[in-house]
C-alpha atoms as a PDB file:
ATOM      1  CA  UNK A   1       7.491 -17.870  55.916  1.00  0.00           C
ATOM      2  CA  UNK A   2       4.589 -16.355  57.869  1.00  0.00           C
ATOM      3  CA  UNK A   3       6.341 -17.073  61.184  1.00  0.00           C
ATOM      4  CA  UNK A   4       9.558 -15.444  59.971  1.00  0.00           C
ATOM      5  CA  UNK A   5       7.584 -12.252  59.345  1.00  0.00           C
ATOM      6  CA  UNK A   6       5.666 -12.038  62.628  1.00  0.00           C
ATOM      7  CA  UNK A   7       2.781 -14.394  61.842  1.00  0.00           C
ATOM      8  CA  UNK A   8       1.881 -17.728  63.405  1.00  0.00           C
ATOM      9  CA  UNK A   9       0.190 -21.064  62.824  1.00  0.00           C
ATOM     10  CA  UNK A  10      -2.827 -21.836  65.060  1.00  0.00           C
ATOM     11  CA  UNK A  11      -3.964 -25.375  64.316  1.00  0.00           C
ATOM     12  CA  UNK A  12      -5.217 -25.376  60.742  1.00  0.00           C
ATOM     13  CA  UNK A  13      -5.213 -21.572  60.568  1.00  0.00           C
ATOM     14  CA  UNK A  14      -2.441 -19.321  59.331  1.00  0.00           C
ATOM     15  CA  UNK A  15      -2.255 -15.833  60.819  1.00  0.00           C
ATOM     16  CA  UNK A  16      -0.205 -13.450  58.692  1.00  0.00           C
ATOM     17  CA  UNK A  17       0.896 -10.027  59.835  1.00  0.00           C
ATOM     18  CA  UNK A  18       0.078  -7.131  57.534  1.00  0.00           C
ATOM     19  CA  UNK A  19       3.078  -5.604  55.813  1.00  0.00           C
ATOM     20  CA  UNK A  20       3.633  -2.400  53.932  1.00  0.00           C
ATOM     21  CA  UNK A  21       3.649  -2.929  50.185  1.00  0.00           C
ATOM     22  CA  UNK A  22       7.047  -2.589  48.558  1.00  0.00           C
ATOM     23  CA  UNK A  23       6.963  -1.775  44.863  1.00  0.00           C
ATOM     24  CA  UNK A  24       8.761  -4.308  42.697  1.00  0.00           C
ATOM     25  CA  UNK A  25      11.663  -3.091  40.627  1.00  0.00           C
ATOM     26  CA  UNK A  26      10.514  -2.784  37.027  1.00  0.00           C
ATOM     27  CA  UNK A  27      13.035  -2.907  34.224  1.00  0.00           C
ATOM     28  CA  UNK A  28      11.502  -1.107  31.281  1.00  0.00           C
ATOM     29  CA  UNK A  29      12.946  -1.807  27.871  1.00  0.00           C
ATOM     30  CA  UNK A  30      12.559   1.634  26.395  1.00  0.00           C
ATOM     31  CA  UNK A  31      16.056   2.932  25.851  1.00  0.00           C
ATOM     32  CA  UNK A  32      16.366   1.793  22.241  1.00  0.00           C
ATOM     33  CA  UNK A  33      15.581   5.139  20.642  1.00  0.00           C
ATOM     34  CA  UNK A  34      12.761   6.086  18.320  1.00  0.00           C
ATOM     35  CA  UNK A  35      11.960   4.719  14.878  1.00  0.00           C
ATOM     36  CA  UNK A  36      12.794   7.504  12.432  1.00  0.00           C
ATOM     37  CA  UNK A  37      12.548   5.845   9.039  1.00  0.00           C
ATOM     38  CA  UNK A  38      11.432   2.776   7.098  1.00  0.00           C
ATOM     39  CA  UNK A  39      13.590   1.911   4.113  1.00  0.00           C
ATOM     40  CA  UNK A  40      11.359  -0.173   1.837  1.00  0.00           C
ATOM     41  CA  UNK A  41      12.982  -2.846  -0.345  1.00  0.00           C
ATOM     42  CA  UNK A  42      12.087  -0.661  -3.348  1.00  0.00           C
ATOM     43  CA  UNK A  43      14.271   2.194  -2.045  1.00  0.00           C
ATOM     44  CA  UNK A  44      17.420   2.716  -4.178  1.00  0.00           C
ATOM     45  CA  UNK A  45      19.593   2.491  -1.039  1.00  0.00           C
ATOM     46  CA  UNK A  46      19.139  -1.290  -1.217  1.00  0.00           C
ATOM     47  CA  UNK A  47      21.357  -3.230  -3.613  1.00  0.00           C
ATOM     48  CA  UNK A  48      20.670  -6.803  -4.713  1.00  0.00           C
ATOM     49  CA  UNK A  49      22.858  -9.670  -5.917  1.00  0.00           C
ATOM     50  CA  UNK A  50      21.631 -13.051  -7.080  1.00  0.00           C
ATOM     51  CA  UNK A  51      18.075 -14.176  -7.697  1.00  0.00           C
ATOM     52  CA  UNK A  52      15.478 -12.034  -5.917  1.00  0.00           C
ATOM     53  CA  UNK A  53      11.801 -12.050  -6.952  1.00  0.00           C
ATOM     54  CA  UNK A  54       9.648  -9.007  -6.293  1.00  0.00           C
ATOM     55  CA  UNK A  55       5.985  -9.338  -5.337  1.00  0.00           C
ATOM     56  CA  UNK A  56       3.258  -7.116  -3.941  1.00  0.00           C
ATOM     57  CA  UNK A  57       1.362  -8.026  -0.780  1.00  0.00           C
ATOM     58  CA  UNK A  58      -1.891  -6.288   0.093  1.00  0.00           C
ATOM     59  CA  UNK A  59      -2.886  -6.073   3.730  1.00  0.00           C
ATOM     60  CA  UNK A  60      -4.679  -2.818   4.555  1.00  0.00           C
ATOM     61  CA  UNK A  61      -2.132  -1.246   2.215  1.00  0.00           C
ATOM     62  CA  UNK A  62       0.048  -2.698  -0.509  1.00  0.00           C
ATOM     63  CA  UNK A  63       3.783  -3.191   0.023  1.00  0.00           C
ATOM     64  CA  UNK A  64       6.590  -4.878  -1.861  1.00  0.00           C
ATOM     65  CA  UNK A  65       8.455  -7.997  -0.728  1.00  0.00           C
ATOM     66  CA  UNK A  66      11.707  -9.286  -2.236  1.00  0.00           C
ATOM     67  CA  UNK A  67      12.183 -13.052  -1.873  1.00  0.00           C
ATOM     68  CA  UNK A  68      15.084 -15.365  -2.549  1.00  0.00           C
ATOM     69  CA  UNK A  69      16.004 -18.959  -1.750  1.00  0.00           C
ATOM     70  CA  UNK A  70      19.173 -18.890  -3.851  1.00  0.00           C
ATOM     71  CA  UNK A  71      22.298 -19.712  -1.886  1.00  0.00           C
ATOM     72  CA  UNK A  72      24.569 -16.651  -1.819  1.00  0.00           C
ATOM     73  CA  UNK A  73      21.919 -14.120  -2.891  1.00  0.00           C
ATOM     74  CA  UNK A  74      22.585 -10.834  -1.092  1.00  0.00           C
ATOM     75  CA  UNK A  75      20.687  -7.737  -0.046  1.00  0.00           C
ATOM     76  CA  UNK A  76      22.678  -4.738   1.176  1.00  0.00           C
ATOM     77  CA  UNK A  77      21.458  -1.456   2.628  1.00  0.00           C
ATOM     78  CA  UNK A  78      23.189   1.519   4.219  1.00  0.00           C
ATOM     79  CA  UNK A  79      21.607   3.611   6.950  1.00  0.00           C
ATOM     80  CA  UNK A  80      22.494   6.090   9.667  1.00  0.00           C
ATOM     81  CA  UNK A  81      21.207   5.524  13.175  1.00  0.00           C
ATOM     82  CA  UNK A  82      21.533   3.837  16.558  1.00  0.00           C
ATOM     83  CA  UNK A  83      19.406   0.795  15.825  1.00  0.00           C
ATOM     84  CA  UNK A  84      17.664  -1.181  13.123  1.00  0.00           C
ATOM     85  CA  UNK A  85      15.118  -3.915  12.479  1.00  0.00           C
ATOM     86  CA  UNK A  86      15.134  -6.012   9.329  1.00  0.00           C
ATOM     87  CA  UNK A  87      11.440  -6.683   8.706  1.00  0.00           C
ATOM     88  CA  UNK A  88      10.662  -9.880   6.814  1.00  0.00           C
ATOM     89  CA  UNK A  89       7.864 -12.358   6.228  1.00  0.00           C
ATOM     90  CA  UNK A  90       7.951 -15.615   8.185  1.00  0.00           C
ATOM     91  CA  UNK A  91       6.792 -18.383   5.855  1.00  0.00           C
ATOM     92  CA  UNK A  92       6.109 -22.143   5.871  1.00  0.00           C
ATOM     93  CA  UNK A  93       8.937 -22.153   3.298  1.00  0.00           C
ATOM     94  CA  UNK A  94      11.200 -19.939   5.414  1.00  0.00           C
ATOM     95  CA  UNK A  95      14.928 -20.561   5.323  1.00  0.00           C
ATOM     96  CA  UNK A  96      18.112 -19.247   6.884  1.00  0.00           C
ATOM     97  CA  UNK A  97      20.285 -16.193   6.253  1.00  0.00           C
ATOM     98  CA  UNK A  98      23.498 -14.729   7.611  1.00  0.00           C
ATOM     99  CA  UNK A  99      23.401 -11.115   8.818  1.00  0.00           C
ATOM    100  CA  UNK A 100      26.466  -8.872   8.524  1.00  0.00           C
ATOM    101  CA  UNK A 101      26.708  -5.467  10.182  1.00  0.00           C
ATOM    102  CA  UNK A 102      29.548  -3.225   9.026  1.00  0.00           C
ATOM    103  CA  UNK A 103      31.303  -6.226   7.487  1.00  0.00           C
ATOM    104  CA  UNK A 104      31.119  -8.455  10.592  1.00  0.00           C
ATOM    105  CA  UNK A 105      28.921 -11.554  10.826  1.00  0.00           C
ATOM    106  CA  UNK A 106      26.500 -10.840  13.685  1.00  0.00           C
ATOM    107  CA  UNK A 107      24.310 -13.911  13.398  1.00  0.00           C
ATOM    108  CA  UNK A 108      22.377 -16.477  11.449  1.00  0.00           C
ATOM    109  CA  UNK A 109      18.602 -16.059  11.433  1.00  0.00           C
ATOM    110  CA  UNK A 110      15.657 -18.073  10.190  1.00  0.00           C
ATOM    111  CA  UNK A 111      12.405 -16.977   8.546  1.00  0.00           C
ATOM    112  CA  UNK A 112      10.337 -19.980   9.602  1.00  0.00           C
ATOM    113  CA  UNK A 113       7.428 -19.113  11.940  1.00  0.00           C
ATOM    114  CA  UNK A 114       7.467 -20.571  15.436  1.00  0.00           C
ATOM    115  CA  UNK A 115       3.673 -20.639  15.289  1.00  0.00           C
ATOM    116  CA  UNK A 116       1.297 -22.235  12.821  1.00  0.00           C
ATOM    117  CA  UNK A 117       0.730 -19.074  10.833  1.00  0.00           C
ATOM    118  CA  UNK A 118       2.261 -16.793   8.242  1.00  0.00           C
ATOM    119  CA  UNK A 119       3.782 -13.592   9.679  1.00  0.00           C
ATOM    120  CA  UNK A 120       3.692 -10.777   7.163  1.00  0.00           C
ATOM    121  CA  UNK A 121       6.239  -8.313   8.529  1.00  0.00           C
ATOM    122  CA  UNK A 122       8.171  -9.267  11.642  1.00  0.00           C
ATOM    123  CA  UNK A 123      11.666  -8.742  12.969  1.00  0.00           C
ATOM    124  CA  UNK A 124      14.099 -11.064  11.226  1.00  0.00           C
ATOM    125  CA  UNK A 125      17.006  -9.369  13.019  1.00  0.00           C
ATOM    126  CA  UNK A 126      17.404  -6.294  15.204  1.00  0.00           C
ATOM    127  CA  UNK A 127      19.953  -4.357  17.228  1.00  0.00           C
ATOM    128  CA  UNK A 128      19.095  -1.206  19.191  1.00  0.00           C
ATOM    129  CA  UNK A 129      22.515  -0.435  20.642  1.00  0.00           C
ATOM    130  CA  UNK A 130      24.566   0.694  17.668  1.00  0.00           C
ATOM    131  CA  UNK A 131      26.966   3.600  17.579  1.00  0.00           C
ATOM    132  CA  UNK A 132      25.255   6.686  16.143  1.00  0.00           C
ATOM    133  CA  UNK A 133      26.917   6.465  12.745  1.00  0.00           C
ATOM    134  CA  UNK A 134      26.530   5.211   9.189  1.00  0.00           C
ATOM    135  CA  UNK A 135      26.143   1.437   8.998  1.00  0.00           C
ATOM    136  CA  UNK A 136      26.009  -1.203   6.294  1.00  0.00           C
ATOM    137  CA  UNK A 137      23.728  -4.176   6.740  1.00  0.00           C
ATOM    138  CA  UNK A 138      23.999  -7.232   4.502  1.00  0.00           C
ATOM    139  CA  UNK A 139      21.678 -10.248   4.350  1.00  0.00           C
ATOM    140  CA  UNK A 140      23.130 -13.349   2.689  1.00  0.00           C
ATOM    141  CA  UNK A 141      20.708 -16.182   1.861  1.00  0.00           C
ATOM    142  CA  UNK A 142      22.073 -19.572   2.927  1.00  0.00           C
ATOM    143  CA  UNK A 143      19.765 -21.552   0.626  1.00  0.00           C
ATOM    144  CA  UNK A 144      19.040 -23.914   3.526  1.00  0.00           C
ATOM    145  CA  UNK A 145      15.668 -24.715   5.085  1.00  0.00           C
ATOM    146  CA  UNK A 146      15.119 -24.277   8.799  1.00  0.00           C
ATOM    147  CA  UNK A 147      14.106 -27.439  10.706  1.00  0.00           C
ATOM    148  CA  UNK A 148      10.516 -28.258   9.752  1.00  0.00           C
ATOM    149  CA  UNK A 149      10.409 -25.789   6.873  1.00  0.00           C
ATOM    150  CA  UNK A 150       9.251 -26.725   3.382  1.00  0.00           C
ATOM    151  CA  UNK A 151      11.794 -24.415   1.712  1.00  0.00           C
ATOM    152  CA  UNK A 152      14.618 -21.925   2.118  1.00  0.00           C
ATOM    153  CA  UNK A 153      12.936 -18.564   1.330  1.00  0.00           C
ATOM    154  CA  UNK A 154      14.012 -15.231   2.777  1.00  0.00           C
ATOM    155  CA  UNK A 155      11.339 -12.572   2.114  1.00  0.00           C
ATOM    156  CA  UNK A 156      12.495  -9.036   3.008  1.00  0.00           C
ATOM    157  CA  UNK A 157      10.039  -6.167   3.515  1.00  0.00           C
ATOM    158  CA  UNK A 158      12.026  -3.174   4.800  1.00  0.00           C
ATOM    159  CA  UNK A 159      14.520  -1.817   7.299  1.00  0.00           C
ATOM    160  CA  UNK A 160      13.278   0.204  10.275  1.00  0.00           C
ATOM    161  CA  UNK A 161      15.920   2.687  11.451  1.00  0.00           C
ATOM    162  CA  UNK A 162      16.146   4.015  15.026  1.00  0.00           C
ATOM    163  CA  UNK A 163      17.867   7.055  16.546  1.00  0.00           C
END
């Protein structure tokens, strides 16, 4: 490589020619808009079907979590924006859920941590490239554990909306 760029090998020495620095291309992931609102699970815009338990978690401040492991339990929320994050707790008992956006299945997620620790409020699902419009997001609990999990819990915290 040194020889191809004007350098040479002299015995056990490598002589490299100085070159002008060329900045690397940097792709910055910053075109997802700005967070404009957090819709807590206690907000009346959420609707709930099936067995959901409500609990309060205190970490710096107190917030409410709604948890279910019941197959078919649903949480639905409407929002207006260009992106969203469903924030949830990742638990040793974390299970799987199906995510529907505007009536279409967009994926199956799991709430089991990939590390050996509880995660209080992390992205369960997100999409930053939505049409700027009203959207409906639905979480349907599968009632199935993720591989290695001790349960099938889905513990929702809030929805972060972007524009």
